Amino acid sequence: MQFDYTYITLFGFILFEPMVILANLIFFLCALYYYVSLKKFNNAYTRQMSLFMFLLGTSMAFGGAGHAIHYQLGVGFFNLILFFMNAFSLLAMYYCFMGPYTYYKAGKEPAPLTRYLILTWILLMLVYSMIVQNFALIKIHAGLGLIYALTIHWIMYKRYQHRGSREVIIGVFVAFLPIIVHSLKISFDEWFNHKDIAHVLMIISLVIICRGVKTNSEDIESGKINIRSAA
């Protein structure tokens, strides 16, 4: 985890990178809001996509905690925070695969063996990343998950003109902008640097994707989208 050393002191405790904490908190609250608001829709696609959002938001919350405390509470505690951040991120990518798959397959979920193999692979990636302290593979998996979601929603939009899929496509494209910002270290100020800008873009991406999923869910509920005959 890369650090910048802006900080504030609160009740005698140093909170590093307060803008990162704020952005991650807003991300988590947005994810939680959409997760709760989508609970009323009773179909596999919505359930899985809402879990993707919630788990990703939870991962971001742990990430914000990691940036906030750094090593103040010890290396062991910091590594535990990283473990949960990566665990929730990988689980989010599982549902990032499951949701679009179910959408494309007209409500049919993968065979149990396929799901178990994916979950086993996720567990292996988590263990590997913690042993070697290299999280590049987790980032690659996140990128692949988003590309898969983009591809499926693109196919469904081109095939059936589903309104929500268009929004999801836009949101996923926005989700790749933080990579550019972070790589080029585009910053306005020490207190609004490349990481802060990247997190703001991630929030925008989340909101657009969530709105798209909600639109699709409303259309499924009303019968405008019949996922039972969409494949």
Protein backbone atom coordinates (compact mmCIF):
# COMPACT_ATOMS: atom_id res chain seq x y z
CA MET A 1 0.00 0.00 0.00
CA GLN A 2 1.46 3.36 -1.06
CA PHE A 3 1.30 6.21 1.48
CA ASP A 4 1.33 10.00 1.39
CA TYR A 5 1.92 11.60 4.73
CA THR A 6 -0.75 14.25 5.04
CA TYR A 7 -2.41 13.83 8.42
CA ILE A 8 -4.61 15.32 11.10
CA THR A 9 -4.53 14.73 14.85
CA LEU A 10 -7.79 13.65 16.47
CA PHE A 11 -7.98 13.10 20.24
CA GLY A 12 -4.25 12.58 20.29
CA PHE A 13 -4.30 9.95 17.54
CA ILE A 14 -2.77 10.63 14.14
CA LEU A 15 -5.06 9.96 11.18
CA PHE A 16 -3.00 9.81 8.01
CA GLU A 17 -4.41 10.75 4.60
CA PRO A 18 -7.77 12.15 5.78
CA MET A 19 -8.99 12.77 2.22
CA VAL A 20 -8.52 9.08 1.42
CA ILE A 21 -10.47 8.17 4.57
CA LEU A 22 -13.30 10.51 3.58
CA ALA A 23 -13.48 9.25 0.00
CA ASN A 24 -13.44 5.59 1.09
CA LEU A 25 -16.15 6.28 3.66
CA ILE A 26 -18.35 7.94 1.05
CA PHE A 27 -17.73 4.98 -1.28
CA PHE A 28 -18.76 2.52 1.43
CA LEU A 29 -21.90 4.51 2.33
CA CYS A 30 -22.94 4.70 -1.35
CA ALA A 31 -22.40 0.95 -1.73
CA LEU A 32 -24.40 0.29 1.43
CA TYR A 33 -27.23 2.56 0.26
CA TYR A 34 -27.55 0.81 -3.08
CA TYR A 35 -27.22 -2.62 -1.47
CA VAL A 36 -30.18 -1.85 0.81
CA SER A 37 -32.24 -0.18 -1.93
CA LEU A 38 -31.79 -3.18 -4.25
CA LYS A 39 -32.93 -5.70 -1.62
CA LYS A 40 -36.54 -5.23 -2.75
CA PHE A 41 -35.83 -6.83 -6.15
CA ASN A 42 -36.10 -10.59 -6.12
CA ASN A 43 -33.87 -11.93 -8.89
CA ALA A 44 -30.40 -13.46 -8.99
CA TYR A 45 -28.83 -10.74 -11.16
CA THR A 46 -29.79 -7.95 -8.78
CA ARG A 47 -28.84 -9.93 -5.69
CA GLN A 48 -25.40 -10.77 -7.04
CA MET A 49 -24.65 -7.28 -8.35
CA SER A 50 -25.74 -5.72 -5.06
CA LEU A 51 -23.39 -8.08 -3.20
CA PHE A 52 -20.60 -7.05 -5.58
CA MET A 53 -21.17 -3.40 -4.65
CA PHE A 54 -21.45 -4.05 -0.92
CA LEU A 55 -18.34 -6.24 -0.73
CA LEU A 56 -16.34 -3.76 -2.80
CA GLY A 57 -17.49 -0.95 -0.52
CA THR A 58 -16.45 -2.99 2.52
CA SER A 59 -13.04 -3.57 0.97
CA MET A 60 -12.70 0.18 0.44
CA ALA A 61 -13.61 0.79 4.09
CA PHE A 62 -10.79 -1.50 5.23
CA GLY A 63 -8.48 0.19 2.72
CA GLY A 64 -9.33 3.57 4.22
CA ALA A 65 -8.57 2.20 7.69
CA GLY A 66 -5.21 0.94 6.48
CA HIS A 67 -4.29 4.34 5.09
CA ALA A 68 -5.49 6.03 8.28
CA ILE A 69 -3.48 4.05 10.82
CA HIS A 70 -0.42 3.03 8.78
CA TYR A 71 1.79 1.10 11.24
CA GLN A 72 0.76 2.93 14.42
CA LEU A 73 -0.87 -0.18 15.88
CA GLY A 74 1.83 -2.55 14.74
CA VAL A 75 2.71 -4.47 11.60
CA GLY A 76 0.51 -7.42 12.55
CA PHE A 77 -2.62 -5.28 12.89
CA PHE A 78 -1.86 -3.48 9.64
CA ASN A 79 -1.42 -6.79 7.80
CA LEU A 80 -4.76 -7.97 9.22
CA ILE A 81 -6.42 -4.87 7.77
CA LEU A 82 -4.80 -5.64 4.40
CA PHE A 83 -6.00 -9.23 4.60
CA PHE A 84 -9.63 -8.20 5.04
CA MET A 85 -9.34 -5.50 2.38
CA ASN A 86 -8.08 -8.03 -0.18
CA ALA A 87 -10.48 -10.77 0.95
CA PHE A 88 -13.53 -8.56 0.44
CA SER A 89 -12.13 -7.29 -2.86
CA LEU A 90 -11.70 -10.82 -4.21
CA LEU A 91 -15.17 -11.84 -3.03
CA ALA A 92 -16.54 -8.74 -4.75
CA MET A 93 -14.93 -9.89 -7.99
CA TYR A 94 -16.64 -13.27 -7.59
CA TYR A 95 -20.02 -11.56 -7.63
CA CYS A 96 -18.82 -9.23 -10.40
CA PHE A 97 -18.55 -12.44 -12.44
CA MET A 98 -21.71 -14.11 -11.10
CA GLY A 99 -24.05 -11.17 -11.72
CA PRO A 100 -23.28 -10.64 -15.43
CA TYR A 101 -23.10 -14.41 -15.99
CA THR A 102 -26.61 -14.86 -14.55
CA TYR A 103 -27.83 -11.87 -16.56
CA TYR A 104 -26.48 -13.31 -19.82
CA LYS A 105 -27.66 -16.85 -19.08
CA ALA A 106 -31.23 -15.72 -18.45
CA GLY A 107 -31.19 -16.30 -14.70
CA LYS A 108 -29.24 -19.57 -14.81
CA GLU A 109 -26.29 -19.68 -12.40
CA PRO A 110 -23.02 -21.57 -13.05
CA ALA A 111 -22.84 -25.22 -12.03
CA PRO A 112 -21.84 -25.80 -8.37
CA LEU A 113 -18.47 -27.26 -9.41
CA THR A 114 -17.66 -24.08 -11.37
CA ARG A 115 -18.54 -21.89 -8.39
CA TYR A 116 -16.42 -24.01 -6.03
CA LEU A 117 -13.45 -23.87 -8.38
CA ILE A 118 -13.71 -20.07 -8.63
CA LEU A 119 -13.94 -19.71 -4.84
CA THR A 120 -10.95 -22.05 -4.38
CA TRP A 121 -8.94 -19.95 -6.84
CA ILE A 122 -9.91 -16.79 -4.96
CA LEU A 123 -8.72 -18.35 -1.69
CA LEU A 124 -5.41 -19.36 -3.28
CA MET A 125 -4.89 -15.83 -4.64
CA LEU A 126 -5.57 -14.38 -1.20
CA VAL A 127 -3.09 -16.70 0.51
CA TYR A 128 -0.47 -16.08 -2.19
CA SER A 129 -0.82 -12.31 -2.00
CA MET A 130 -0.38 -12.33 1.77
CA ILE A 131 2.69 -14.61 1.64
CA VAL A 132 4.57 -12.66 -1.03
CA GLN A 133 3.11 -9.23 -0.03
CA ASN A 134 2.40 -8.48 -3.69
CA PHE A 135 -1.12 -7.44 -4.57
CA ALA A 136 -0.63 -7.08 -8.32
CA LEU A 137 -2.56 -10.30 -8.97
CA ILE A 138 -5.53 -9.00 -7.03
CA LYS A 139 -5.53 -5.84 -9.12
CA ILE A 140 -5.34 -7.93 -12.29
CA HIS A 141 -8.31 -10.02 -11.15
CA ALA A 142 -10.27 -6.85 -10.41
CA GLY A 143 -9.53 -5.57 -13.91
CA LEU A 144 -10.54 -8.87 -15.50
CA GLY A 145 -13.77 -8.91 -13.50
CA LEU A 146 -14.68 -5.42 -14.69
CA ILE A 147 -13.82 -6.28 -18.31
CA TYR A 148 -16.10 -9.33 -18.09
CA ALA A 149 -18.95 -7.23 -16.64
CA LEU A 150 -18.40 -4.61 -19.36
CA THR A 151 -18.44 -7.23 -22.12
CA ILE A 152 -21.65 -8.92 -20.95
CA HIS A 153 -23.54 -5.66 -20.46
CA TRP A 154 -22.31 -4.45 -23.86
CA ILE A 155 -23.60 -7.62 -25.52
CA MET A 156 -26.97 -7.34 -23.78
CA TYR A 157 -27.30 -3.65 -24.62
CA LYS A 158 -26.47 -4.18 -28.30
CA ARG A 159 -28.81 -7.17 -28.46
CA TYR A 160 -31.79 -5.89 -26.46
CA GLN A 161 -31.19 -2.14 -25.85
CA HIS A 162 -31.50 -2.58 -22.08
CA ARG A 163 -31.33 0.93 -20.58
CA GLY A 164 -29.53 -0.08 -17.42
CA SER A 165 -26.82 -1.95 -19.30
CA ARG A 166 -25.85 1.27 -21.07
CA GLU A 167 -25.35 2.95 -17.68
CA VAL A 168 -23.30 0.01 -16.40
CA ILE A 169 -21.08 0.24 -19.50
CA ILE A 170 -20.45 3.94 -18.88
CA GLY A 171 -19.75 3.27 -15.21
CA VAL A 172 -17.20 0.55 -15.96
CA PHE A 173 -15.42 2.82 -18.44
CA VAL A 174 -15.22 5.49 -15.73
CA ALA A 175 -13.82 2.81 -13.37
CA PHE A 176 -10.71 2.54 -15.55
CA LEU A 177 -9.94 6.28 -15.28
CA PRO A 178 -8.52 5.99 -11.72
CA ILE A 179 -5.84 3.67 -13.10
CA ILE A 180 -4.69 6.43 -15.47
CA VAL A 181 -4.84 9.11 -12.79
CA HIS A 182 -2.95 6.96 -10.28
CA SER A 183 -0.32 5.84 -12.80
CA LEU A 184 0.38 9.38 -14.03
CA LYS A 185 0.12 10.77 -10.47
CA ILE A 186 -2.19 13.58 -11.60
CA SER A 187 -2.65 15.86 -8.58
CA PHE A 188 -4.02 19.29 -7.75
CA ASP A 189 -2.52 19.65 -4.31
CA GLU A 190 -0.88 17.71 -1.50
CA TRP A 191 -4.32 17.48 0.12
CA PHE A 192 -6.03 16.45 -3.13
CA ASN A 193 -3.48 14.27 -4.83
CA HIS A 194 -3.66 11.48 -7.40
CA LYS A 195 -5.07 8.99 -4.89
CA ASP A 196 -7.82 11.37 -3.81
CA ILE A 197 -8.80 12.11 -7.43
CA ALA A 198 -8.77 8.38 -8.21
CA HIS A 199 -11.09 7.69 -5.28
CA VAL A 200 -13.51 10.41 -6.37
CA LEU A 201 -13.64 8.85 -9.84
CA MET A 202 -14.27 5.46 -8.23
CA ILE A 203 -17.24 6.91 -6.34
CA ILE A 204 -18.65 8.36 -9.57
CA SER A 205 -18.14 5.00 -11.28
CA LEU A 206 -19.90 3.17 -8.44
CA VAL A 207 -22.91 5.48 -8.56
CA ILE A 208 -23.29 5.13 -12.34
CA ILE A 209 -22.97 1.31 -12.21
CA CYS A 210 -25.43 1.11 -9.31
CA ARG A 211 -27.95 3.28 -11.14
CA GLY A 212 -27.61 1.01 -14.17
CA VAL A 213 -28.17 -2.12 -12.09
CA LYS A 214 -31.17 -0.47 -10.44
CA THR A 215 -32.64 0.47 -13.84
CA ASN A 216 -32.18 -3.10 -15.10
CA SER A 217 -33.71 -4.43 -11.89
CA GLU A 218 -36.77 -2.20 -12.27
CA ASP A 219 -37.17 -3.36 -15.88
CA ILE A 220 -36.85 -7.00 -14.82
CA GLU A 221 -39.46 -6.44 -12.11
CA SER A 222 -41.87 -4.73 -14.50
CA GLY A 223 -41.39 -7.33 -17.24
CA LYS A 224 -39.61 -5.01 -19.70
CA ILE A 225 -36.62 -7.32 -19.35
CA ASN A 226 -37.43 -10.99 -19.34
CA ILE A 227 -34.13 -12.60 -18.34
CA ARG A 228 -35.76 -15.99 -18.61
CA SER A 229 -35.74 -15.61 -22.37
CA ALA A 230 -32.85 -13.20 -22.89
CA ALA A 231 -30.04 -15.67 -23.63
